[in-house]
N, C-alpha and C. Protein backbone atom coordinates (compact mmCIF):
# COMPACT_ATOMS: atom_id res chain seq x y z
N UNK A 1 57.64 64.27 24.71
CA UNK A 1 59.52 64.88 24.72
C UNK A 1 59.74 64.42 26.35
N UNK A 2 60.95 64.11 26.55
CA UNK A 2 61.70 63.50 27.63
C UNK A 2 61.85 64.71 28.67
N UNK A 3 61.84 64.34 30.09
CA UNK A 3 62.04 65.46 30.89
C UNK A 3 63.34 65.83 30.94
N UNK A 4 63.56 67.12 31.54
CA UNK A 4 64.86 67.61 31.71
C UNK A 4 65.78 67.37 33.20
N UNK A 5 66.52 66.65 33.12
CA UNK A 5 67.30 66.39 34.38
C UNK A 5 67.57 67.61 35.21
N UNK A 6 67.34 67.21 36.60
CA UNK A 6 68.12 68.48 37.33
C UNK A 6 69.22 67.97 37.72
N UNK A 7 70.45 69.27 37.73
CA UNK A 7 71.58 68.77 38.35
C UNK A 7 72.06 68.47 39.48
N UNK A 8 72.34 67.54 39.98
CA UNK A 8 72.04 66.79 41.36
C UNK A 8 72.96 67.64 42.24
N UNK A 9 74.02 68.14 41.76
CA UNK A 9 75.30 69.28 42.68
C UNK A 9 74.26 70.51 42.75
N UNK A 10 73.63 71.00 42.21
CA UNK A 10 73.11 72.22 42.03
C UNK A 10 71.94 72.02 43.33
N UNK A 11 71.37 70.89 42.84
CA UNK A 11 70.11 70.78 43.89
C UNK A 11 70.32 70.91 45.40
N UNK A 12 71.55 70.28 45.73
CA UNK A 12 72.06 70.01 47.16
C UNK A 12 72.49 71.46 47.59
N UNK A 13 73.01 72.41 46.77
CA UNK A 13 73.63 73.65 47.28
C UNK A 13 73.02 75.03 46.85
N UNK A 14 71.78 75.06 46.07
CA UNK A 14 71.01 75.99 45.94
C UNK A 14 69.64 76.23 46.23
N UNK A 15 68.69 77.12 46.51
CA UNK A 15 67.42 77.09 46.79
C UNK A 15 66.78 77.98 46.13
N UNK A 16 65.33 78.14 45.69
CA UNK A 16 64.95 79.49 45.19
C UNK A 16 64.13 79.92 46.31
N UNK A 17 64.20 81.54 46.30
CA UNK A 17 63.03 82.24 47.03
C UNK A 17 61.60 82.23 46.44
N UNK A 18 60.95 82.72 47.17
CA UNK A 18 59.50 82.94 46.70
C UNK A 18 59.47 83.92 45.57
N UNK A 19 60.25 85.01 45.63
CA UNK A 19 60.53 86.03 44.24
C UNK A 19 61.53 85.36 43.00
N UNK A 20 61.67 83.99 43.19
CA UNK A 20 62.76 83.55 42.44
C UNK A 20 63.88 84.06 42.34
N UNK A 21 64.74 84.52 43.35
CA UNK A 21 66.04 84.65 43.62
C UNK A 21 66.67 83.15 43.98
N UNK A 22 67.81 83.26 43.80
CA UNK A 22 68.75 82.16 44.16
C UNK A 22 69.84 82.22 45.48
N UNK A 23 69.27 81.24 46.47
CA UNK A 23 70.00 81.27 47.85
C UNK A 23 71.03 80.52 47.80
N UNK A 24 72.18 80.92 48.48
CA UNK A 24 73.44 79.88 48.65
C UNK A 24 73.78 80.12 49.80
N UNK A 25 74.85 79.24 50.46
CA UNK A 25 75.67 79.27 51.23
C UNK A 25 76.84 79.44 51.51
N UNK A 26 77.95 79.57 51.92
CA UNK A 26 79.29 79.73 51.97
C UNK A 26 80.03 78.70 52.02
N UNK A 27 81.02 78.76 51.32
CA UNK A 27 82.30 77.85 51.54
C UNK A 27 83.32 78.17 52.99
N UNK A 28 83.98 77.17 53.10
CA UNK A 28 84.96 77.50 54.20
C UNK A 28 84.46 77.36 55.59
N UNK A 29 83.09 76.81 55.82
CA UNK A 29 82.54 76.72 56.98
C UNK A 29 82.32 75.55 58.01
N UNK A 30 83.60 74.27 57.41
CA UNK A 30 83.15 73.32 57.52
C UNK A 30 84.01 72.54 58.37
N UNK A 31 85.43 72.91 58.09
CA UNK A 31 86.70 72.39 59.04
C UNK A 31 87.63 73.51 58.95
N UNK A 32 88.85 73.02 60.07
CA UNK A 32 89.72 73.99 59.97
C UNK A 32 89.25 75.44 60.60
N UNK A 33 88.27 75.39 61.76
CA UNK A 33 87.74 76.35 61.93
C UNK A 33 88.36 76.91 63.39
N UNK A 34 89.44 76.60 63.85
CA UNK A 34 89.95 77.09 64.92
C UNK A 34 90.91 78.32 64.74
N UNK A 35 91.06 78.26 63.59
CA UNK A 35 92.07 79.64 63.09
C UNK A 35 91.17 81.05 62.66
N UNK A 36 89.70 80.43 62.57
CA UNK A 36 88.83 81.57 62.00
C UNK A 36 88.24 82.05 63.22
N UNK A 37 88.18 83.43 62.74
CA UNK A 37 87.19 84.33 64.40
C UNK A 37 86.18 84.20 63.99
N UNK A 38 85.41 84.52 65.68
CA UNK A 38 84.19 84.11 66.06
C UNK A 38 83.18 84.91 64.76
N UNK A 39 83.78 86.07 64.49
CA UNK A 39 82.76 86.92 63.45
C UNK A 39 82.93 86.43 62.18
N UNK A 40 83.94 85.99 61.51
CA UNK A 40 83.92 85.25 60.14
C UNK A 40 83.04 83.84 60.18
N UNK A 41 83.21 83.14 61.22
CA UNK A 41 82.30 82.10 61.22
C UNK A 41 80.72 82.20 61.22
N UNK A 42 80.59 83.16 62.00
CA UNK A 42 79.20 83.66 62.03
C UNK A 42 78.92 84.11 60.67
N UNK A 43 79.43 85.09 60.12
CA UNK A 43 79.18 85.28 58.67
C UNK A 43 78.92 84.03 57.87
N UNK A 44 79.98 83.31 57.62
CA UNK A 44 79.95 81.94 56.92
C UNK A 44 78.78 81.55 57.08
N UNK A 45 78.04 81.37 58.28
CA UNK A 45 76.94 80.46 58.48
C UNK A 45 75.50 81.05 57.93
N UNK A 46 75.53 82.37 57.46
CA UNK A 46 74.51 83.00 56.80
C UNK A 46 74.35 82.81 55.52
N UNK A 47 73.25 82.39 54.95
CA UNK A 47 73.08 82.41 53.67
C UNK A 47 73.01 83.60 52.79
N UNK A 48 73.31 83.70 51.63
CA UNK A 48 73.31 85.07 50.89
C UNK A 48 72.85 84.54 49.34
N UNK A 49 72.40 85.96 48.62
CA UNK A 49 71.96 85.30 47.32
C UNK A 49 73.12 85.18 46.31
N UNK A 50 72.58 84.56 45.36
CA UNK A 50 73.78 84.22 44.03
C UNK A 50 73.97 85.64 43.38
N UNK A 51 74.78 86.07 42.86
CA UNK A 51 75.17 87.20 42.06
C UNK A 51 73.85 87.10 40.90
N UNK A 52 73.70 88.28 40.30
CA UNK A 52 72.56 88.33 39.38
C UNK A 52 73.14 87.87 38.22
N UNK A 53 74.52 88.03 37.93
CA UNK A 53 75.09 87.36 36.48
C UNK A 53 75.50 85.72 36.60
N UNK A 54 75.15 85.02 37.82
CA UNK A 54 75.45 83.75 37.91
C UNK A 54 73.76 83.17 37.89
N UNK A 55 72.69 84.00 38.36
CA UNK A 55 71.56 83.15 38.54
C UNK A 55 71.03 82.28 37.60
N UNK A 56 70.76 82.91 36.31
CA UNK A 56 70.31 82.54 35.35
C UNK A 56 71.28 81.16 35.07
N UNK A 57 72.65 80.58 35.17
CA UNK A 57 72.87 79.92 35.00
C UNK A 57 72.67 78.43 36.00
N UNK A 58 72.23 79.15 37.59
CA UNK A 58 71.99 77.96 38.50
C UNK A 58 70.57 77.86 38.26
N UNK A 59 69.74 78.82 37.65
CA UNK A 59 68.29 78.44 37.27
C UNK A 59 68.04 77.50 36.13
N UNK A 60 69.02 77.27 35.42
CA UNK A 60 69.12 76.30 34.27
C UNK A 60 69.59 75.13 34.76
N UNK A 61 70.33 74.83 35.95
CA UNK A 61 70.61 73.48 36.48
C UNK A 61 69.32 73.08 37.26
N UNK A 62 68.19 74.00 37.57
CA UNK A 62 67.16 73.42 38.43
C UNK A 62 66.07 73.80 37.79
N UNK A 63 65.39 73.07 36.63
CA UNK A 63 64.58 73.28 35.90
C UNK A 63 63.21 73.29 36.49
N UNK A 64 63.30 72.69 37.61
CA UNK A 64 61.96 72.13 38.18
C UNK A 64 61.68 73.05 39.59
N UNK A 65 62.38 73.77 40.03
CA UNK A 65 62.86 74.28 41.13
C UNK A 65 61.93 75.75 41.48
């Protein structure tokens, strides 16, 4: 049987935790930062978990993660 290919975009954007949950970063944190408050930029820098509804879709794109 052929191997399943990993979705290259998903590989760069998502990481799995030890318990199998999916972590992601925030968008809007790369440029046009001068108009954003320090609090907002600080929150955007933190990683969060992918929603429960979207996690199976992400896991399907990362078969060997």
